[in-house]
Amino acid sequence: MKINEYLKEKTKTLTSEEREERYKYLGKEVVDVGEPGLDSIAEFYGIAHAIWDDWKDGRIDTKTALRRLSLLKLLSFKGKNKKIQDIDDEDLEEVRKFIDYVRQVIKNEGRRHGEKIEEE
C-alpha cells in the first residue's frame, strides 16, 4: 500500500461541527481578533484567563489546565506559530511571564487541595 493511500484511508475528515468542537476557547470564550487563529496578544491573554476561570469553576482539573497553559505558552514562540511573526518579542515575553504566573498559581492551589502535581 502506498503512503498516500494509507493516509487517505486513515485520515478523518471532520464535519464543521467536529471542527468547531476542537477549538476550546478561541471564537467561543475569547473573541478571535483579526485573522482566524491565535495571532494577537489579546487572544493569548484571553485564553489564559479562560483556562484559569475554567479551572477555578471546576470545569477542568488541574492537570488539564496545566497542559492547556503549556500548549498556549508553546504557541507564543515564533518558531511554533507562524501567525505571530509581526508581534514584538518583548510583548510575547510578557505573555509567557503571565502564562507562567497562571501556571504557578494553579499548581500551588492544586497542591494546597492535596493534588499530586508532577514537575515538568
Protein backbone atom coordinates (compact mmCIF):
# COMPACT_ATOMS: atom_id res chain seq x y z
CA MET A 1 0.00 0.00 0.00
CA LYS A 2 1.35 3.40 -0.93
CA ILE A 3 1.74 6.07 1.70
CA ASN A 4 -0.80 8.40 0.05
CA GLU A 5 -3.44 5.67 0.00
CA TYR A 6 -2.72 4.79 3.63
CA LEU A 7 -3.01 8.42 4.72
CA LYS A 8 -6.31 8.89 2.87
CA GLU A 9 -7.65 5.74 4.46
CA LYS A 10 -6.56 6.69 7.99
CA THR A 11 -7.24 10.43 7.83
CA LYS A 12 -10.58 11.51 9.17
CA THR A 13 -12.37 14.41 7.54
CA LEU A 14 -14.05 16.48 10.22
CA THR A 15 -17.51 17.91 9.85
CA SER A 16 -17.95 21.60 10.59
CA GLU A 17 -19.45 20.70 13.99
CA GLU A 18 -16.47 18.47 14.86
CA ARG A 19 -14.04 21.13 13.70
CA GLU A 20 -15.83 23.75 15.83
CA GLU A 21 -15.70 21.45 18.87
CA ARG A 22 -11.90 21.11 18.55
CA TYR A 23 -11.36 24.75 19.47
CA LYS A 24 -11.87 25.13 23.20
CA TYR A 25 -11.56 28.89 23.66
CA LEU A 26 -10.79 30.91 20.55
CA GLY A 27 -14.02 32.00 18.94
CA LYS A 28 -16.11 30.74 21.87
CA GLU A 29 -15.00 32.31 25.14
CA VAL A 30 -12.35 34.55 23.58
CA VAL A 31 -13.12 36.78 20.60
CA ASP A 32 -10.98 35.86 17.59
CA VAL A 33 -9.49 39.22 16.61
CA GLY A 34 -8.15 39.88 13.12
CA GLU A 35 -7.23 36.83 11.05
CA PRO A 36 -8.58 33.41 12.07
CA GLY A 37 -6.37 31.67 14.61
CA LEU A 38 -4.15 32.61 17.52
CA ASP A 39 -2.44 35.72 16.20
CA SER A 40 -2.73 38.56 18.73
CA ILE A 41 -1.59 39.38 22.25
CA ALA A 42 -5.19 39.91 23.38
CA GLU A 43 -6.06 36.36 22.33
CA PHE A 44 -3.18 34.90 24.34
CA TYR A 45 -4.25 36.77 27.48
CA GLY A 46 -7.91 35.95 26.88
CA ILE A 47 -7.26 32.23 26.52
CA ALA A 48 -5.01 32.16 29.60
CA HIS A 49 -7.79 33.87 31.61
CA ALA A 50 -10.42 31.49 30.20
CA ILE A 51 -8.33 28.45 31.20
CA TRP A 52 -7.82 29.93 34.67
CA ASP A 53 -11.56 30.62 35.03
CA ASP A 54 -12.49 27.12 33.85
CA TRP A 55 -10.09 25.66 36.42
CA LYS A 56 -11.42 27.89 39.24
CA ASP A 57 -15.01 26.96 38.38
CA GLY A 58 -14.16 23.24 38.35
CA ARG A 59 -14.91 22.70 34.65
CA ILE A 60 -11.38 21.32 34.09
CA ASP A 61 -8.98 19.65 36.51
CA THR A 62 -5.52 20.91 37.43
CA LYS A 63 -3.68 18.58 35.08
CA THR A 64 -5.80 19.66 32.11
CA ALA A 65 -5.36 23.35 32.94
CA LEU A 66 -1.58 22.97 33.17
CA ARG A 67 -1.45 21.09 29.86
CA ARG A 68 -3.51 23.73 28.10
CA LEU A 69 -1.35 26.51 29.51
CA SER A 70 1.79 24.65 28.39
CA LEU A 71 0.44 24.43 24.86
CA LEU A 72 -0.53 28.11 24.94
CA LYS A 73 2.99 29.03 26.02
CA LEU A 74 4.47 26.86 23.28
CA LEU A 75 2.34 28.70 20.72
CA SER A 76 3.77 32.02 21.94
CA PHE A 77 7.09 31.19 20.27
CA LYS A 78 7.51 32.40 16.70
CA GLY A 79 9.04 29.11 15.59
CA LYS A 80 5.86 27.25 16.63
CA ASN A 81 3.25 29.77 15.48
CA LYS A 82 3.81 31.45 12.11
CA LYS A 83 0.88 33.82 12.67
CA ILE A 84 2.71 35.84 15.34
CA GLN A 85 5.77 36.84 13.29
CA ASP A 86 4.80 40.54 13.42
CA ILE A 87 4.31 40.68 17.20
CA ASP A 88 7.10 42.29 19.21
CA ASP A 89 9.36 39.83 21.09
CA GLU A 90 9.02 41.86 24.31
CA ASP A 91 5.23 41.55 24.15
CA LEU A 92 5.47 37.80 23.64
CA GLU A 93 7.84 37.53 26.58
CA GLU A 94 5.30 39.38 28.77
CA VAL A 95 2.63 36.89 27.64
CA ARG A 96 4.92 33.98 28.59
CA LYS A 97 5.53 35.51 32.02
CA PHE A 98 1.78 35.83 32.56
CA ILE A 99 1.19 32.23 31.46
CA ASP A 100 3.94 31.10 33.86
CA TYR A 101 2.28 33.10 36.64
CA VAL A 102 -1.11 31.46 35.99
CA ARG A 103 0.54 28.03 35.87
CA GLN A 104 2.24 28.65 39.22
CA VAL A 105 -0.98 29.81 40.86
CA ILE A 106 -2.83 26.73 39.62
CA LYS A 107 0.00 24.42 40.74
CA ASN A 108 0.12 25.97 44.21
CA GLU A 109 -3.65 25.85 44.66
CA GLY A 110 -3.75 22.28 43.37
CA ARG A 111 -1.10 21.23 45.89
CA ARG A 112 -2.97 23.06 48.63
CA HIS A 113 -6.02 20.94 47.80
CA GLY A 114 -3.95 17.76 48.03
CA GLU A 115 -3.49 17.08 44.31
CA LYS A 116 -0.28 15.40 43.25
CA ILE A 117 1.32 17.58 40.60
CA GLU A 118 4.35 16.34 38.69
CA GLU A 119 7.02 18.83 37.71
CA GLU A 120 7.75 19.10 34.00
